[in-house]
Amino acid sequence: MTKKKLGNSDMVLTPVGVGAWAMGGGGWAFGWGPQDDAQSIAAIHAALDQGINWIDTAAIYGLGHSEEVVARALKGRSQRPYIFTKCALVWDENREVGRSLKADSVRRECESSLRRLQVDTIDLYQIHWPDPEPDLEEGWRTLAELQKEGKVRWIAVSNFKVAQMERCRAIGPITSLQPPYSAVSPEVEDEILPYCQQHNIGVIVYSPMKSGLLTGKMTRERVASFPEDDFRRKALNFQEPHLSRNLELAERMKQIGARHGRSAGEVAIAWTLRHPAVTAAIVGMRSAEQVTGVIGAMEFRLSEAEIQEIAEFRQGLLARSAS
């Protein structure tokens, strides 16, 4: 397994990390429906036992619940993984989600995350979204202060465009960017990934399997039966005509994976890891069984011919839908 150093940090990451978004459970604006905490903890244990050395969560996931689950899973573990979390999405007593990059808000969030995670220092602290944009500099300066104070080790951004990263870099270095990236949504290849390469900004991509679409296990029936509080019910890529096109791509990835005894999900993750700008991929895991279905992506890599096969298949799908 080839590990990579994350940007300007001292952290060397396994190619895959545990994504704890769905572990937050349901009942909030961007949830994945109900989730059993015992299964979440089993998934984290299985991933760590297989050698994964980092976990990505966020305060907003389950309105604090995901961070608490991560802390419970790590209690008593002799070898602790790196823990990454995020700020700038906040909520009120009515569970309504808002956004803030004001210094006092970011500081409160950091203290709350430290308490929920039961750690003295957060390994990577990320601005979740560049919003409200006028407060970007205030938020980034606050992260830089938290780093100097030892509350966080490294500071980073998520969902930022190049112009927004430029504004932050004028204040202090960015350790990494967390963008969405998959064969369904490859947009960051055009400008954002080259920029990160140029400026030694690590890249940890999220949704490499496009929220489950490229696992090879998604079906129209499963989509139709999503719980009411699963955000994917309203997501564009789970609606027609996008859904059929995405399921066709997943089927092709399943065929490629079958040649190697790998799952479609492992092919989808490997597709993101092929890009030289990408340090590692965040992979959502909701059970120990799901870990088994994706852990091969730690070592599996696509051949140039297979990368070209996927590119041509994607182009064919897009050309057909445009006609």
C-alpha atoms as a PDB file:
ATOM      1  CA  MET A   1       0.000   0.000   0.000  1.00  0.00           C
ATOM      2  CA  THR A   2       1.358   3.416  -0.980  1.00  0.00           C
ATOM      3  CA  LYS A   3       0.743   6.167   1.559  1.00  0.00           C
ATOM      4  CA  LYS A   4       0.966   9.857   0.705  1.00  0.00           C
ATOM      5  CA  LYS A   5       1.969  12.931   2.680  1.00  0.00           C
ATOM      6  CA  LEU A   6      -0.877  15.433   3.019  1.00  0.00           C
ATOM      7  CA  GLY A   7       0.220  18.798   1.644  1.00  0.00           C
ATOM      8  CA  ASN A   8       2.545  20.716   3.969  1.00  0.00           C
ATOM      9  CA  SER A   9       1.683  18.550   6.987  1.00  0.00           C
ATOM     10  CA  ASP A  10       3.601  15.768   8.730  1.00  0.00           C
ATOM     11  CA  MET A  11       0.690  13.347   8.206  1.00  0.00           C
ATOM     12  CA  VAL A  12       1.170  10.398   5.869  1.00  0.00           C
ATOM     13  CA  LEU A  13      -2.235   9.012   4.912  1.00  0.00           C
ATOM     14  CA  THR A  14      -3.519   5.657   3.763  1.00  0.00           C
ATOM     15  CA  PRO A  15      -5.188   5.927   0.319  1.00  0.00           C
ATOM     16  CA  VAL A  16      -8.633   5.524   1.920  1.00  0.00           C
ATOM     17  CA  GLY A  17     -10.058   7.109   5.066  1.00  0.00           C
ATOM     18  CA  VAL A  18     -13.255   6.547   7.028  1.00  0.00           C
ATOM     19  CA  GLY A  19     -16.040   8.960   6.079  1.00  0.00           C
ATOM     20  CA  ALA A  20     -18.370   9.520   9.033  1.00  0.00           C
ATOM     21  CA  TRP A  21     -21.112  11.617   7.391  1.00  0.00           C
ATOM     22  CA  ALA A  22     -23.814   8.922   7.448  1.00  0.00           C
ATOM     23  CA  MET A  23     -22.783   7.968  10.988  1.00  0.00           C
ATOM     24  CA  GLY A  24     -24.499  11.147  12.128  1.00  0.00           C
ATOM     25  CA  GLY A  25     -27.837   9.398  11.577  1.00  0.00           C
ATOM     26  CA  GLY A  26     -31.119  10.903  10.428  1.00  0.00           C
ATOM     27  CA  GLY A  27     -33.354  13.725  11.533  1.00  0.00           C
ATOM     28  CA  TRP A  28     -31.358  16.631  10.131  1.00  0.00           C
ATOM     29  CA  ALA A  29     -31.190  18.506   6.816  1.00  0.00           C
ATOM     30  CA  PHE A  30     -28.402  16.496   5.113  1.00  0.00           C
ATOM     31  CA  GLY A  31     -28.811  13.099   6.748  1.00  0.00           C
ATOM     32  CA  TRP A  32     -28.726   9.646   5.179  1.00  0.00           C
ATOM     33  CA  GLY A  33     -31.657   8.279   7.147  1.00  0.00           C
ATOM     34  CA  PRO A  34     -31.484   6.230  10.382  1.00  0.00           C
ATOM     35  CA  GLN A  35     -28.140   4.727  11.369  1.00  0.00           C
ATOM     36  CA  ASP A  36     -27.287   2.222  14.098  1.00  0.00           C
ATOM     37  CA  ASP A  37     -24.418   3.535  16.271  1.00  0.00           C
ATOM     38  CA  ALA A  38     -23.242  -0.005  17.012  1.00  0.00           C
ATOM     39  CA  GLN A  39     -22.839  -0.624  13.272  1.00  0.00           C
ATOM     40  CA  SER A  40     -20.965   2.678  12.868  1.00  0.00           C
ATOM     41  CA  ILE A  41     -18.556   1.714  15.630  1.00  0.00           C
ATOM     42  CA  ALA A  42     -18.091  -1.757  14.118  1.00  0.00           C
ATOM     43  CA  ALA A  43     -17.312  -0.126  10.754  1.00  0.00           C
ATOM     44  CA  ILE A  44     -14.661   2.134  12.308  1.00  0.00           C
ATOM     45  CA  HIS A  45     -13.086  -0.802  14.153  1.00  0.00           C
ATOM     46  CA  ALA A  46     -13.042  -2.941  10.985  1.00  0.00           C
ATOM     47  CA  ALA A  47     -11.456  -0.109   8.979  1.00  0.00           C
ATOM     48  CA  LEU A  48      -8.741   0.543  11.562  1.00  0.00           C
ATOM     49  CA  ASP A  49      -8.028  -3.185  11.857  1.00  0.00           C
ATOM     50  CA  GLN A  50      -7.463  -3.223   8.090  1.00  0.00           C
ATOM     51  CA  GLY A  51      -4.857  -0.464   8.401  1.00  0.00           C
ATOM     52  CA  ILE A  52      -6.813   2.729   7.601  1.00  0.00           C
ATOM     53  CA  ASN A  53      -5.187   5.553   9.590  1.00  0.00           C
ATOM     54  CA  TRP A  54      -7.575   8.527   9.375  1.00  0.00           C
ATOM     55  CA  ILE A  55     -11.214   9.454   9.947  1.00  0.00           C
ATOM     56  CA  ASP A  56     -13.060  12.427   8.479  1.00  0.00           C
ATOM     57  CA  THR A  57     -16.115  13.802  10.249  1.00  0.00           C
ATOM     58  CA  ALA A  58     -17.759  17.200  10.816  1.00  0.00           C
ATOM     59  CA  ALA A  59     -19.600  18.948  13.606  1.00  0.00           C
ATOM     60  CA  ILE A  60     -22.704  19.245  11.426  1.00  0.00           C
ATOM     61  CA  TYR A  61     -22.992  15.494  10.745  1.00  0.00           C
ATOM     62  CA  GLY A  62     -25.964  14.539  12.866  1.00  0.00           C
ATOM     63  CA  LEU A  63     -25.615  17.885  14.666  1.00  0.00           C
ATOM     64  CA  GLY A  64     -22.662  16.684  16.740  1.00  0.00           C
ATOM     65  CA  HIS A  65     -23.633  13.016  16.832  1.00  0.00           C
ATOM     66  CA  SER A  66     -21.048  11.750  14.327  1.00  0.00           C
ATOM     67  CA  GLU A  67     -18.185  13.239  16.349  1.00  0.00           C
ATOM     68  CA  GLU A  68     -19.540  11.574  19.497  1.00  0.00           C
ATOM     69  CA  VAL A  69     -19.753   8.203  17.713  1.00  0.00           C
ATOM     70  CA  VAL A  70     -16.148   8.561  16.511  1.00  0.00           C
ATOM     71  CA  ALA A  71     -15.031   9.250  20.100  1.00  0.00           C
ATOM     72  CA  ARG A  72     -16.873   6.171  21.372  1.00  0.00           C
ATOM     73  CA  ALA A  73     -15.310   4.017  18.646  1.00  0.00           C
ATOM     74  CA  LEU A  74     -11.783   5.170  19.520  1.00  0.00           C
ATOM     75  CA  LYS A  75     -12.120   4.785  23.281  1.00  0.00           C
ATOM     76  CA  GLY A  76      -9.503   2.330  24.490  1.00  0.00           C
ATOM     77  CA  ARG A  77      -7.813   1.913  21.082  1.00  0.00           C
ATOM     78  CA  SER A  78      -4.040   1.829  21.527  1.00  0.00           C
ATOM     79  CA  GLN A  79      -3.324   3.112  18.015  1.00  0.00           C
ATOM     80  CA  ARG A  80      -5.354   6.223  17.327  1.00  0.00           C
ATOM     81  CA  PRO A  81      -5.978   7.379  13.750  1.00  0.00           C
ATOM     82  CA  TYR A  82      -5.710  10.971  12.618  1.00  0.00           C
ATOM     83  CA  ILE A  83      -9.012  12.776  13.223  1.00  0.00           C
ATOM     84  CA  PHE A  84     -10.260  15.405  10.783  1.00  0.00           C
ATOM     85  CA  THR A  85     -13.331  17.549  11.389  1.00  0.00           C
ATOM     86  CA  LYS A  86     -14.927  20.756  10.088  1.00  0.00           C
ATOM     87  CA  CYS A  87     -16.496  24.030  11.128  1.00  0.00           C
ATOM     88  CA  ALA A  88     -18.699  26.837   9.679  1.00  0.00           C
ATOM     89  CA  LEU A  89     -22.020  24.954   9.582  1.00  0.00           C
ATOM     90  CA  VAL A  90     -23.937  25.579  12.800  1.00  0.00           C
ATOM     91  CA  TRP A  91     -27.399  24.791  14.144  1.00  0.00           C
ATOM     92  CA  ASP A  92     -29.900  26.241  16.589  1.00  0.00           C
ATOM     93  CA  GLU A  93     -32.239  24.796  19.223  1.00  0.00           C
ATOM     94  CA  ASN A  94     -34.744  23.971  16.462  1.00  0.00           C
ATOM     95  CA  ARG A  95     -32.089  21.924  14.586  1.00  0.00           C
ATOM     96  CA  GLU A  96     -32.108  24.502  11.796  1.00  0.00           C
ATOM     97  CA  VAL A  97     -28.755  24.661   9.985  1.00  0.00           C
ATOM     98  CA  GLY A  98     -27.002  27.998   9.458  1.00  0.00           C
ATOM     99  CA  ARG A  99     -23.545  29.170   8.364  1.00  0.00           C
ATOM    100  CA  SER A 100     -20.975  31.281  10.183  1.00  0.00           C
ATOM    101  CA  LEU A 101     -17.306  32.162   9.763  1.00  0.00           C
ATOM    102  CA  LYS A 102     -17.233  34.743  12.535  1.00  0.00           C
ATOM    103  CA  ALA A 103     -14.285  34.319  14.899  1.00  0.00           C
ATOM    104  CA  ASP A 104     -16.329  33.753  18.050  1.00  0.00           C
ATOM    105  CA  SER A 105     -18.516  31.168  16.300  1.00  0.00           C
ATOM    106  CA  VAL A 106     -15.527  29.249  14.884  1.00  0.00           C
ATOM    107  CA  ARG A 107     -13.870  29.216  18.312  1.00  0.00           C
ATOM    108  CA  ARG A 108     -17.050  27.885  19.957  1.00  0.00           C
ATOM    109  CA  GLU A 109     -17.296  25.190  17.297  1.00  0.00           C
ATOM    110  CA  CYS A 110     -13.686  24.149  17.822  1.00  0.00           C
ATOM    111  CA  GLU A 111     -14.136  23.842  21.592  1.00  0.00           C
ATOM    112  CA  SER A 112     -17.343  21.839  21.103  1.00  0.00           C
ATOM    113  CA  SER A 113     -15.661  19.480  18.620  1.00  0.00           C
ATOM    114  CA  LEU A 114     -12.707  18.943  20.973  1.00  0.00           C
ATOM    115  CA  ARG A 115     -15.162  18.057  23.734  1.00  0.00           C
ATOM    116  CA  ARG A 116     -17.285  15.696  21.604  1.00  0.00           C
ATOM    117  CA  LEU A 117     -14.244  13.988  20.081  1.00  0.00           C
ATOM    118  CA  GLN A 118     -12.576  13.752  23.525  1.00  0.00           C
ATOM    119  CA  VAL A 119      -9.215  14.936  22.191  1.00  0.00           C
ATOM    120  CA  ASP A 120      -6.832  17.752  23.148  1.00  0.00           C
ATOM    121  CA  THR A 121      -5.958  18.589  19.536  1.00  0.00           C
ATOM    122  CA  ILE A 122      -7.716  18.130  16.197  1.00  0.00           C
ATOM    123  CA  ASP A 123      -5.321  16.808  13.536  1.00  0.00           C
ATOM    124  CA  LEU A 124      -6.946  18.644  10.605  1.00  0.00           C
ATOM    125  CA  TYR A 125      -9.524  21.409  11.031  1.00  0.00           C
ATOM    126  CA  GLN A 126     -11.387  22.407   7.876  1.00  0.00           C
ATOM    127  CA  ILE A 127     -13.755  25.207   6.872  1.00  0.00           C
ATOM    128  CA  HIS A 128     -16.666  23.116   5.603  1.00  0.00           C
ATOM    129  CA  TRP A 129     -18.043  25.637   3.082  1.00  0.00           C
ATOM    130  CA  PRO A 130     -16.796  29.108   2.036  1.00  0.00           C
ATOM    131  CA  ASP A 131     -19.960  30.729   3.293  1.00  0.00           C
ATOM    132  CA  PRO A 132     -20.769  33.497   4.181  1.00  0.00           C
ATOM    133  CA  GLU A 133     -18.122  34.450   1.640  1.00  0.00           C
ATOM    134  CA  PRO A 134     -17.541  38.021   2.949  1.00  0.00           C
ATOM    135  CA  ASP A 135     -16.314  36.475   6.226  1.00  0.00           C
ATOM    136  CA  LEU A 136     -13.837  34.100   4.582  1.00  0.00           C
ATOM    137  CA  GLU A 137     -10.740  35.964   5.764  1.00  0.00           C
ATOM    138  CA  GLU A 138     -12.052  36.239   9.330  1.00  0.00           C
ATOM    139  CA  GLY A 139     -12.726  32.508   9.439  1.00  0.00           C
ATOM    140  CA  TRP A 140      -9.335  31.559   8.015  1.00  0.00           C
ATOM    141  CA  ARG A 141      -7.466  33.914  10.361  1.00  0.00           C
ATOM    142  CA  THR A 142      -9.282  32.255  13.255  1.00  0.00           C
ATOM    143  CA  LEU A 143      -8.197  28.792  12.099  1.00  0.00           C
ATOM    144  CA  ALA A 144      -4.603  30.059  11.851  1.00  0.00           C
ATOM    145  CA  GLU A 145      -4.861  31.376  15.436  1.00  0.00           C
ATOM    146  CA  LEU A 146      -6.254  28.049  16.659  1.00  0.00           C
ATOM    147  CA  GLN A 147      -3.294  26.337  15.007  1.00  0.00           C
ATOM    148  CA  LYS A 148      -0.814  28.620  16.787  1.00  0.00           C
ATOM    149  CA  GLU A 149      -2.600  27.943  20.074  1.00  0.00           C
ATOM    150  CA  GLY A 150      -2.259  24.178  19.578  1.00  0.00           C
ATOM    151  CA  LYS A 151      -6.005  23.488  19.445  1.00  0.00           C
ATOM    152  CA  VAL A 152      -5.590  22.159  15.888  1.00  0.00           C
ATOM    153  CA  ARG A 153      -2.481  20.809  14.177  1.00  0.00           C
ATOM    154  CA  TRP A 154      -3.181  21.623  10.539  1.00  0.00           C
ATOM    155  CA  ILE A 155      -5.792  23.792   8.819  1.00  0.00           C
ATOM    156  CA  ALA A 156      -7.638  23.199   5.599  1.00  0.00           C
ATOM    157  CA  VAL A 157     -10.658  23.996   3.438  1.00  0.00           C
ATOM    158  CA  SER A 158     -13.520  22.091   1.840  1.00  0.00           C
ATOM    159  CA  ASN A 159     -15.638  22.908  -1.237  1.00  0.00           C
ATOM    160  CA  PHE A 160     -13.490  25.960  -2.097  1.00  0.00           C
ATOM    161  CA  LYS A 161     -12.863  27.388  -5.555  1.00  0.00           C
ATOM    162  CA  VAL A 162      -9.467  28.641  -6.697  1.00  0.00           C
ATOM    163  CA  ALA A 163     -10.262  32.320  -6.040  1.00  0.00           C
ATOM    164  CA  GLN A 164     -11.368  31.482  -2.500  1.00  0.00           C
ATOM    165  CA  MET A 165      -8.190  29.490  -1.827  1.00  0.00           C
ATOM    166  CA  GLU A 166      -6.153  32.432  -3.114  1.00  0.00           C
ATOM    167  CA  ARG A 167      -7.767  34.677  -0.515  1.00  0.00           C
ATOM    168  CA  CYS A 168      -6.884  32.234   2.245  1.00  0.00           C
ATOM    169  CA  ARG A 169      -3.325  31.706   1.041  1.00  0.00           C
ATOM    170  CA  ALA A 170      -2.723  35.453   1.332  1.00  0.00           C
ATOM    171  CA  ILE A 171      -3.191  34.954   5.104  1.00  0.00           C
ATOM    172  CA  GLY A 172      -1.556  31.560   5.664  1.00  0.00           C
ATOM    173  CA  PRO A 173      -0.830  28.179   4.029  1.00  0.00           C
ATOM    174  CA  ILE A 174      -3.599  25.705   3.246  1.00  0.00           C
ATOM    175  CA  THR A 175      -2.728  22.130   4.149  1.00  0.00           C
ATOM    176  CA  SER A 176      -5.476  20.528   2.057  1.00  0.00           C
ATOM    177  CA  LEU A 177      -8.668  20.884   0.089  1.00  0.00           C
ATOM    178  CA  GLN A 178     -11.637  18.532   0.363  1.00  0.00           C
ATOM    179  CA  PRO A 179     -13.622  18.604  -2.917  1.00  0.00           C
ATOM    180  CA  PRO A 180     -16.292  16.290  -4.335  1.00  0.00           C
ATOM    181  CA  TYR A 181     -14.723  14.095  -7.001  1.00  0.00           C
ATOM    182  CA  SER A 182     -15.944  11.030  -8.853  1.00  0.00           C
ATOM    183  CA  ALA A 183     -16.367   9.670 -12.356  1.00  0.00           C
ATOM    184  CA  VAL A 184     -19.891  11.132 -12.184  1.00  0.00           C
ATOM    185  CA  SER A 185     -18.645  14.565 -11.047  1.00  0.00           C
ATOM    186  CA  PRO A 186     -15.102  15.144 -12.366  1.00  0.00           C
ATOM    187  CA  GLU A 187     -15.350  18.963 -12.605  1.00  0.00           C
ATOM    188  CA  VAL A 188     -12.443  19.703 -10.233  1.00  0.00           C
ATOM    189  CA  GLU A 189     -10.007  18.248 -12.794  1.00  0.00           C
ATOM    190  CA  ASP A 190     -10.214  21.387 -14.935  1.00  0.00           C
ATOM    191  CA  GLU A 191      -8.815  24.057 -12.625  1.00  0.00           C
ATOM    192  CA  ILE A 192      -8.929  23.089  -8.956  1.00  0.00           C
ATOM    193  CA  LEU A 193      -6.739  19.944  -8.922  1.00  0.00           C
ATOM    194  CA  PRO A 194      -3.961  21.555 -11.022  1.00  0.00           C
ATOM    195  CA  TYR A 195      -4.000  24.565  -8.669  1.00  0.00           C
ATOM    196  CA  CYS A 196      -3.584  22.287  -5.651  1.00  0.00           C
ATOM    197  CA  GLN A 197      -0.671  20.494  -7.316  1.00  0.00           C
ATOM    198  CA  GLN A 198       1.000  23.797  -8.101  1.00  0.00           C
ATOM    199  CA  HIS A 199       0.736  25.080  -4.512  1.00  0.00           C
ATOM    200  CA  ASN A 200       1.405  21.857  -2.537  1.00  0.00           C
ATOM    201  CA  ILE A 201      -2.160  21.687  -1.250  1.00  0.00           C
ATOM    202  CA  GLY A 202      -3.115  18.120  -0.402  1.00  0.00           C
ATOM    203  CA  VAL A 203      -6.427  16.809  -1.761  1.00  0.00           C
ATOM    204  CA  ILE A 204      -8.719  14.446   0.125  1.00  0.00           C
ATOM    205  CA  VAL A 205     -11.705  13.844  -2.116  1.00  0.00           C
ATOM    206  CA  TYR A 206     -15.195  13.021  -0.916  1.00  0.00           C
ATOM    207  CA  SER A 207     -18.029  11.058  -2.551  1.00  0.00           C
ATOM    208  CA  PRO A 208     -15.734   8.978  -4.809  1.00  0.00           C
ATOM    209  CA  MET A 209     -18.680   6.572  -5.225  1.00  0.00           C
ATOM    210  CA  LYS A 210     -21.118   9.488  -5.633  1.00  0.00           C
ATOM    211  CA  SER A 211     -23.103   8.834  -2.463  1.00  0.00           C
ATOM    212  CA  GLY A 212     -23.487   5.138  -3.252  1.00  0.00           C
ATOM    213  CA  LEU A 213     -24.379   5.417  -6.939  1.00  0.00           C
ATOM    214  CA  LEU A 214     -21.156   3.717  -8.057  1.00  0.00           C
ATOM    215  CA  THR A 215     -21.094   0.898  -5.519  1.00  0.00           C
ATOM    216  CA  GLY A 216     -22.652  -1.524  -7.977  1.00  0.00           C
ATOM    217  CA  LYS A 217     -25.399  -2.198  -5.427  1.00  0.00           C
ATOM    218  CA  MET A 218     -27.637   0.801  -6.123  1.00  0.00           C
ATOM    219  CA  THR A 219     -30.906   0.137  -7.972  1.00  0.00           C
ATOM    220  CA  ARG A 220     -33.953   2.182  -8.950  1.00  0.00           C
ATOM    221  CA  GLU A 221     -35.952   0.230  -6.378  1.00  0.00           C
ATOM    222  CA  ARG A 222     -33.503   1.077  -3.626  1.00  0.00           C
ATOM    223  CA  VAL A 223     -33.568   4.758  -4.572  1.00  0.00           C
ATOM    224  CA  ALA A 224     -37.381   4.723  -4.537  1.00  0.00           C
ATOM    225  CA  SER A 225     -37.361   3.270  -1.002  1.00  0.00           C
ATOM    226  CA  PHE A 226     -34.925   5.768   0.563  1.00  0.00           C
ATOM    227  CA  PRO A 227     -36.155   7.068   3.951  1.00  0.00           C
ATOM    228  CA  GLU A 228     -37.803  10.481   3.931  1.00  0.00           C
ATOM    229  CA  ASP A 229     -34.828  12.020   5.756  1.00  0.00           C
ATOM    230  CA  ASP A 230     -32.244  10.701   3.267  1.00  0.00           C
ATOM    231  CA  PHE A 231     -30.898  13.741   1.392  1.00  0.00           C
ATOM    232  CA  ARG A 232     -30.363  11.620  -1.726  1.00  0.00           C
ATOM    233  CA  ARG A 233     -34.114  11.508  -2.409  1.00  0.00           C
ATOM    234  CA  LYS A 234     -33.804  15.061  -3.755  1.00  0.00           C
ATOM    235  CA  ALA A 235     -30.271  14.910  -5.184  1.00  0.00           C
ATOM    236  CA  LEU A 236     -30.083  15.568  -8.925  1.00  0.00           C
ATOM    237  CA  ASN A 237     -27.939  12.538  -9.727  1.00  0.00           C
ATOM    238  CA  PHE A 238     -30.563  10.237  -8.207  1.00  0.00           C
ATOM    239  CA  GLN A 239     -33.240  11.642 -10.541  1.00  0.00           C
ATOM    240  CA  GLU A 240     -33.855  10.685 -14.162  1.00  0.00           C
ATOM    241  CA  PRO A 241     -32.324  10.897 -16.694  1.00  0.00           C
ATOM    242  CA  HIS A 242     -29.166  11.138 -14.562  1.00  0.00           C
ATOM    243  CA  LEU A 243     -29.964   8.044 -12.495  1.00  0.00           C
ATOM    244  CA  SER A 244     -30.078   5.648 -15.481  1.00  0.00           C
ATOM    245  CA  ARG A 245     -26.839   7.051 -16.874  1.00  0.00           C
ATOM    246  CA  ASN A 246     -25.091   6.730 -13.508  1.00  0.00           C
ATOM    247  CA  LEU A 247     -26.299   3.160 -12.995  1.00  0.00           C
ATOM    248  CA  GLU A 248     -24.936   2.249 -16.449  1.00  0.00           C
ATOM    249  CA  LEU A 249     -21.560   3.661 -15.453  1.00  0.00           C
ATOM    250  CA  ALA A 250     -21.682   1.650 -12.224  1.00  0.00           C
ATOM    251  CA  GLU A 251     -22.439  -1.497 -14.234  1.00  0.00           C
ATOM    252  CA  ARG A 252     -19.366  -0.895 -16.411  1.00  0.00           C
ATOM    253  CA  MET A 253     -17.259  -0.415 -13.274  1.00  0.00           C
ATOM    254  CA  LYS A 254     -18.678  -3.671 -11.912  1.00  0.00           C
ATOM    255  CA  GLN A 255     -17.546  -5.444 -15.109  1.00  0.00           C
ATOM    256  CA  ILE A 256     -14.035  -3.978 -14.825  1.00  0.00           C
ATOM    257  CA  GLY A 257     -13.853  -4.933 -11.155  1.00  0.00           C
ATOM    258  CA  ALA A 258     -14.965  -8.511 -11.872  1.00  0.00           C
ATOM    259  CA  ARG A 259     -11.799  -9.022 -13.930  1.00  0.00           C
ATOM    260  CA  HIS A 260      -9.772  -8.481 -10.759  1.00  0.00           C
ATOM    261  CA  GLY A 261     -12.129  -9.812  -8.085  1.00  0.00           C
ATOM    262  CA  ARG A 262     -12.911  -6.224  -7.058  1.00  0.00           C
ATOM    263  CA  SER A 263     -16.210  -4.421  -6.500  1.00  0.00           C
ATOM    264  CA  ALA A 264     -17.574  -1.561  -8.590  1.00  0.00           C
ATOM    265  CA  GLY A 265     -17.029   0.665  -5.550  1.00  0.00           C
ATOM    266  CA  GLU A 266     -13.336  -0.228  -5.438  1.00  0.00           C
ATOM    267  CA  VAL A 267     -13.056   0.651  -9.127  1.00  0.00           C
ATOM    268  CA  ALA A 268     -14.798   3.991  -8.517  1.00  0.00           C
ATOM    269  CA  ILE A 269     -12.439   4.829  -5.655  1.00  0.00           C
ATOM    270  CA  ALA A 270      -9.396   3.735  -7.653  1.00  0.00           C
ATOM    271  CA  TRP A 271     -10.558   6.025 -10.473  1.00  0.00           C
ATOM    272  CA  THR A 272     -10.194   9.039  -8.157  1.00  0.00           C
ATOM    273  CA  LEU A 273      -6.870   7.861  -6.716  1.00  0.00           C
ATOM    274  CA  ARG A 274      -5.366   7.633 -10.199  1.00  0.00           C
ATOM    275  CA  HIS A 275      -5.102  11.448 -10.357  1.00  0.00           C
ATOM    276  CA  PRO A 276      -1.664  12.663  -9.191  1.00  0.00           C
ATOM    277  CA  ALA A 277      -3.162  15.622  -7.274  1.00  0.00           C
ATOM    278  CA  VAL A 278      -5.272  13.336  -5.076  1.00  0.00           C
ATOM    279  CA  THR A 279      -3.716  12.384  -1.746  1.00  0.00           C
ATOM    280  CA  ALA A 280      -6.499  10.094  -0.550  1.00  0.00           C
ATOM    281  CA  ALA A 281     -10.245   9.431  -0.737  1.00  0.00           C
ATOM    282  CA  ILE A 282     -12.901   9.659   1.949  1.00  0.00           C
ATOM    283  CA  VAL A 283     -15.099   6.563   1.830  1.00  0.00           C
ATOM    284  CA  GLY A 284     -18.376   6.437   3.710  1.00  0.00           C
ATOM    285  CA  MET A 285     -18.741   3.270   5.770  1.00  0.00           C
ATOM    286  CA  ARG A 286     -21.913   2.375   7.686  1.00  0.00           C
ATOM    287  CA  SER A 287     -21.132  -1.227   8.678  1.00  0.00           C
ATOM    288  CA  ALA A 288     -18.257  -3.685   8.915  1.00  0.00           C
ATOM    289  CA  GLU A 289     -19.711  -5.399   5.844  1.00  0.00           C
ATOM    290  CA  GLN A 290     -19.369  -2.194   3.813  1.00  0.00           C
ATOM    291  CA  VAL A 291     -15.715  -1.957   4.832  1.00  0.00           C
ATOM    292  CA  THR A 292     -15.134  -5.385   3.263  1.00  0.00           C
ATOM    293  CA  GLY A 293     -16.628  -4.108  -0.002  1.00  0.00           C
ATOM    294  CA  VAL A 294     -14.275  -1.127  -0.345  1.00  0.00           C
ATOM    295  CA  ILE A 295     -11.063  -1.973   1.509  1.00  0.00           C
ATOM    296  CA  GLY A 296      -9.479  -3.390  -1.670  1.00  0.00           C
ATOM    297  CA  ALA A 297      -9.225   0.189  -2.970  1.00  0.00           C
ATOM    298  CA  MET A 298      -6.301   0.655  -0.572  1.00  0.00           C
ATOM    299  CA  GLU A 299      -4.122  -1.252  -3.028  1.00  0.00           C
ATOM    300  CA  PHE A 300      -6.067  -1.765  -6.270  1.00  0.00           C
ATOM    301  CA  ARG A 301      -5.124   0.519  -9.164  1.00  0.00           C
ATOM    302  CA  LEU A 302      -6.606   0.743 -12.643  1.00  0.00           C
ATOM    303  CA  SER A 303      -4.500   0.158 -15.735  1.00  0.00           C
ATOM    304  CA  GLU A 304      -4.154   2.885 -18.356  1.00  0.00           C
ATOM    305  CA  ALA A 305      -6.354   0.813 -20.665  1.00  0.00           C
ATOM    306  CA  GLU A 306      -9.082   0.593 -18.014  1.00  0.00           C
ATOM    307  CA  ILE A 307      -8.892   4.327 -17.333  1.00  0.00           C
ATOM    308  CA  GLN A 308      -9.346   4.908 -21.054  1.00  0.00           C
ATOM    309  CA  GLU A 309     -12.217   2.414 -21.155  1.00  0.00           C
ATOM    310  CA  ILE A 310     -14.062   4.337 -18.441  1.00  0.00           C
ATOM    311  CA  ALA A 311     -13.379   7.658 -20.195  1.00  0.00           C
ATOM    312  CA  GLU A 312     -14.768   6.399 -23.500  1.00  0.00           C
ATOM    313  CA  PHE A 313     -17.800   4.846 -21.812  1.00  0.00           C
ATOM    314  CA  ARG A 314     -18.549   8.116 -19.990  1.00  0.00           C
ATOM    315  CA  GLN A 315     -18.219  10.084 -23.228  1.00  0.00           C
ATOM    316  CA  GLY A 316     -20.618   7.712 -24.926  1.00  0.00           C
ATOM    317  CA  LEU A 317     -23.185   8.125 -22.146  1.00  0.00           C
ATOM    318  CA  LEU A 318     -22.928  11.914 -22.260  1.00  0.00           C
ATOM    319  CA  ALA A 319     -23.124  12.014 -26.065  1.00  0.00           C
ATOM    320  CA  ARG A 320     -26.216   9.818 -26.043  1.00  0.00           C
ATOM    321  CA  SER A 321     -27.981  11.959 -23.425  1.00  0.00           C
ATOM    322  CA  ALA A 322     -27.121  15.148 -25.342  1.00  0.00           C
ATOM    323  CA  SER A 323     -28.607  13.880 -28.593  1.00  0.00           C
END
